[in-house]
Amino acid sequence: MKQLNQLELERCPHCKVAKPLLGRVWNMDSADHAKGNKRFWSTYLCKSCGGVVLAVSPIDSGHDISCIWPAPQSVAEEVPDRAREFLSQAIASLHAPAGAVMLTASAVDAMLKDKGHKDGSLNTRIDAAAKAHLITAEMAAWAHEIRLDANDQRHADEAASLPSEADAAKAIEFANALAQFLYVLPARVERGRKP
């Protein structure tokens, strides 16, 4: 993707709005002291939330963007389809925290099922995964927190408070960490060990 007057992202990295209007508000060229390592920088302003996104391309604006800050949140391709879709939908619905928390619990459940823990409830699957040393005791405790938070929303528990965006982001952070632990890191190790 090239740096144009509009940055074409699926979602704003700040507010997560779909197809954000990200207009360029600044750009410049840079190089090191020896006139090497040339780069082209642009900042883009989201019209929905006012957040700024920085993009850089090697050499000039005619080259593809090499990095964006903050990076758009995504789910690794190594994650199985069902879990990846639940987690992608949770990220996309961060503006609706109760739904995001429930989707995150579904992503955790899908990952545990994919790893062979299919019997019983999510509660049972989390405990079985910890007992089998698939996840650590600390990861199991965090997974149970997400499970209980999702249950509060799913059952419309009147005594439970509604989650905030920060609560939903914390749940998504755990599910992404779980995905890294269960899928991404093992795949990276396998690739690294190939001759």
Protein backbone atom coordinates (compact mmCIF):
# COMPACT_ATOMS: atom_id res chain seq x y z
CA MET A 1 0.00 0.00 0.00
CA LYS A 2 1.38 3.37 -1.03
CA GLN A 3 1.23 6.62 0.90
CA LEU A 4 -1.49 8.70 -0.70
CA ASN A 5 -3.62 11.58 0.56
CA GLN A 6 -5.88 9.00 2.26
CA LEU A 7 -4.58 6.01 4.23
CA GLU A 8 -6.70 2.98 3.37
CA LEU A 9 -7.06 0.86 6.51
CA GLU A 10 -9.84 -1.58 7.40
CA ARG A 11 -10.14 0.01 10.87
CA CYS A 12 -8.70 2.98 12.70
CA PRO A 13 -6.00 1.73 15.11
CA HIS A 14 -7.39 4.11 17.75
CA CYS A 15 -11.20 4.00 17.62
CA LYS A 16 -11.61 0.82 15.52
CA VAL A 17 -14.20 2.48 13.26
CA ALA A 18 -14.58 0.56 9.99
CA LYS A 19 -13.22 2.13 6.80
CA PRO A 20 -11.97 5.26 8.59
CA LEU A 21 -11.42 8.54 6.81
CA LEU A 22 -7.68 8.99 7.45
CA GLY A 23 -6.49 12.11 5.65
CA ARG A 24 -2.84 13.07 5.38
CA VAL A 25 -2.03 16.14 7.47
CA TRP A 26 1.79 16.15 7.27
CA ASN A 27 4.67 14.49 5.42
CA MET A 28 8.45 14.73 5.09
CA ASP A 29 11.54 12.97 3.71
CA SER A 30 14.40 11.93 5.97
CA ALA A 31 17.89 10.47 5.60
CA ASP A 32 20.88 9.70 7.77
CA HIS A 33 24.03 11.86 8.00
CA ALA A 34 25.47 10.24 4.86
CA LYS A 35 22.28 10.79 2.87
CA GLY A 36 21.45 7.07 3.06
CA ASN A 37 18.58 5.23 4.76
CA LYS A 38 16.09 7.49 2.98
CA ARG A 39 12.51 7.33 4.19
CA PHE A 40 9.22 9.10 3.56
CA TRP A 41 6.97 9.83 6.55
CA SER A 42 3.29 10.84 6.68
CA THR A 43 0.79 11.41 9.46
CA TYR A 44 -2.90 10.79 8.93
CA LEU A 45 -5.76 12.13 11.04
CA CYS A 46 -8.84 10.02 11.75
CA LYS A 47 -11.95 12.15 11.24
CA SER A 48 -13.93 9.93 13.65
CA CYS A 49 -11.76 10.04 16.77
CA GLY A 50 -9.02 12.59 16.06
CA GLY A 51 -6.29 9.98 16.47
CA VAL A 52 -3.12 10.33 14.44
CA VAL A 53 -1.47 7.48 12.53
CA LEU A 54 2.16 7.61 11.37
CA ALA A 55 3.25 5.74 8.22
CA VAL A 56 6.74 5.29 6.77
CA SER A 57 7.95 4.08 3.37
CA PRO A 58 11.50 3.37 2.27
CA ILE A 59 13.06 5.98 -0.05
CA ASP A 60 9.97 7.97 -1.15
CA SER A 61 6.18 8.02 -1.44
CA GLY A 62 6.33 5.75 -4.49
CA HIS A 63 7.28 2.75 -2.35
CA ASP A 64 4.92 0.62 -0.26
CA ILE A 65 4.41 1.50 3.40
CA SER A 66 6.80 -0.53 5.54
CA CYS A 67 5.36 0.30 8.97
CA ILE A 68 2.37 1.99 10.59
CA TRP A 69 2.14 3.30 14.18
CA PRO A 70 0.04 2.41 16.02
CA ALA A 71 -0.18 -0.86 14.12
CA PRO A 72 -3.71 -1.94 13.24
CA GLN A 73 -4.71 -4.78 15.54
CA SER A 74 -5.15 -8.11 13.82
CA VAL A 75 -5.20 -11.81 14.59
CA ALA A 76 -2.34 -14.00 13.37
CA GLU A 77 -2.97 -16.31 10.42
CA GLU A 78 -1.69 -19.26 12.46
CA VAL A 79 -4.81 -19.11 14.66
CA PRO A 80 -7.51 -21.57 13.53
CA ASP A 81 -10.33 -20.05 11.46
CA ARG A 82 -13.11 -20.20 14.04
CA ALA A 83 -11.05 -18.75 16.88
CA ARG A 84 -9.54 -16.13 14.53
CA GLU A 85 -13.01 -15.03 13.41
CA PHE A 86 -14.32 -14.72 16.99
CA LEU A 87 -11.26 -12.74 18.03
CA SER A 88 -11.38 -10.54 14.91
CA GLN A 89 -15.02 -9.76 15.63
CA ALA A 90 -14.16 -8.97 19.27
CA ILE A 91 -11.51 -6.49 18.10
CA ALA A 92 -13.96 -4.95 15.63
CA SER A 93 -16.63 -4.57 18.32
CA LEU A 94 -14.46 -3.01 21.01
CA HIS A 95 -16.84 -0.02 20.90
CA ALA A 96 -19.52 -2.46 22.22
CA PRO A 97 -17.62 -3.88 25.20
CA ALA A 98 -20.22 -6.40 26.42
CA GLY A 99 -20.30 -8.02 22.99
CA ALA A 100 -16.51 -7.88 22.67
CA VAL A 101 -16.09 -9.70 26.00
CA MET A 102 -18.53 -12.44 24.95
CA LEU A 103 -16.79 -12.85 21.58
CA THR A 104 -13.43 -13.04 23.32
CA ALA A 105 -14.67 -15.85 25.56
CA SER A 106 -15.87 -17.64 22.42
CA ALA A 107 -12.39 -17.24 20.89
CA VAL A 108 -10.78 -18.75 24.01
CA ASP A 109 -13.31 -21.60 23.92
CA ALA A 110 -12.63 -22.25 20.22
CA MET A 111 -8.86 -22.38 20.83
CA LEU A 112 -9.23 -24.89 23.67
CA LYS A 113 -11.58 -27.03 21.56
CA ASP A 114 -9.10 -26.93 18.69
CA LYS A 115 -6.43 -28.22 21.08
CA GLY A 116 -8.61 -31.23 21.93
CA HIS A 117 -10.46 -30.03 25.03
CA LYS A 118 -14.03 -30.49 23.81
CA ASP A 119 -15.87 -32.04 26.76
CA GLY A 120 -18.06 -30.14 29.18
CA SER A 121 -18.31 -26.40 29.59
CA LEU A 122 -15.74 -23.69 29.06
CA ASN A 123 -15.07 -23.88 32.80
CA THR A 124 -14.25 -27.58 32.46
CA ARG A 125 -12.13 -27.01 29.35
CA ILE A 126 -10.02 -24.30 31.02
CA ASP A 127 -9.36 -26.57 34.02
CA ALA A 128 -8.56 -29.53 31.75
CA ALA A 129 -6.13 -27.43 29.68
CA ALA A 130 -4.33 -26.32 32.85
CA LYS A 131 -4.24 -29.87 34.23
CA ALA A 132 -2.79 -31.10 30.91
CA HIS A 133 -0.17 -28.27 31.08
CA LEU A 134 -1.41 -26.81 27.81
CA ILE A 135 -1.73 -23.49 29.68
CA THR A 136 -0.23 -22.28 32.94
CA ALA A 137 -2.21 -21.90 36.16
CA GLU A 138 -2.00 -18.11 35.76
CA MET A 139 -3.35 -18.31 32.21
CA ALA A 140 -6.19 -20.51 33.47
CA ALA A 141 -7.02 -17.95 36.17
CA TRP A 142 -7.17 -15.16 33.57
CA ALA A 143 -9.26 -17.34 31.23
CA HIS A 144 -11.70 -17.95 34.09
CA GLU A 145 -11.97 -14.18 34.67
CA ILE A 146 -12.91 -13.70 31.01
CA ARG A 147 -15.35 -16.63 31.18
CA LEU A 148 -17.07 -15.15 34.24
CA ASP A 149 -17.17 -11.64 32.74
CA ALA A 150 -18.74 -13.08 29.58
CA ASN A 151 -21.25 -15.07 31.63
CA ASP A 152 -22.28 -11.89 33.47
CA GLN A 153 -23.10 -10.26 30.12
CA ARG A 154 -24.59 -13.32 28.45
CA HIS A 155 -26.95 -13.93 31.38
CA ALA A 156 -27.65 -10.19 31.83
CA ASP A 157 -26.71 -10.46 35.50
CA GLU A 158 -28.24 -7.37 37.10
CA ALA A 159 -25.66 -7.36 39.91
CA ALA A 160 -22.75 -7.23 37.47
CA SER A 161 -21.55 -3.96 36.03
CA LEU A 162 -21.25 -3.50 32.30
CA PRO A 163 -17.69 -3.82 31.02
CA SER A 164 -15.82 -0.77 29.77
CA GLU A 165 -13.75 -0.58 26.60
CA ALA A 166 -10.69 -1.02 28.83
CA ASP A 167 -12.18 -4.24 30.25
CA ALA A 168 -12.87 -5.54 26.74
CA ALA A 169 -9.37 -4.55 25.57
CA LYS A 170 -7.88 -6.45 28.52
CA ALA A 171 -9.87 -9.56 27.59
CA ILE A 172 -8.78 -9.26 23.95
CA GLU A 173 -5.18 -8.82 25.09
CA PHE A 174 -5.39 -12.15 26.94
CA ALA A 175 -6.96 -13.98 24.00
CA ASN A 176 -4.25 -12.62 21.68
CA ALA A 177 -1.57 -13.72 24.18
CA LEU A 178 -3.18 -17.16 24.36
CA ALA A 179 -3.19 -17.36 20.56
CA GLN A 180 0.49 -16.37 20.48
CA PHE A 181 1.31 -19.03 23.08
CA LEU A 182 -0.74 -21.84 21.51
CA TYR A 183 -0.23 -21.17 17.79
CA VAL A 184 2.07 -18.35 16.74
CA LEU A 185 5.13 -19.14 18.86
CA PRO A 186 5.09 -22.91 18.08
CA ALA A 187 4.76 -22.11 14.34
CA ARG A 188 7.65 -19.65 14.55
CA VAL A 189 9.82 -22.21 16.37
CA GLU A 190 8.96 -24.85 13.76
CA ARG A 191 9.89 -22.47 10.91
CA GLY A 192 13.10 -21.49 12.68
CA ARG A 193 14.22 -25.08 13.14
CA LYS A 194 13.77 -26.02 9.48
CA PRO A 195 17.07 -26.42 7.62
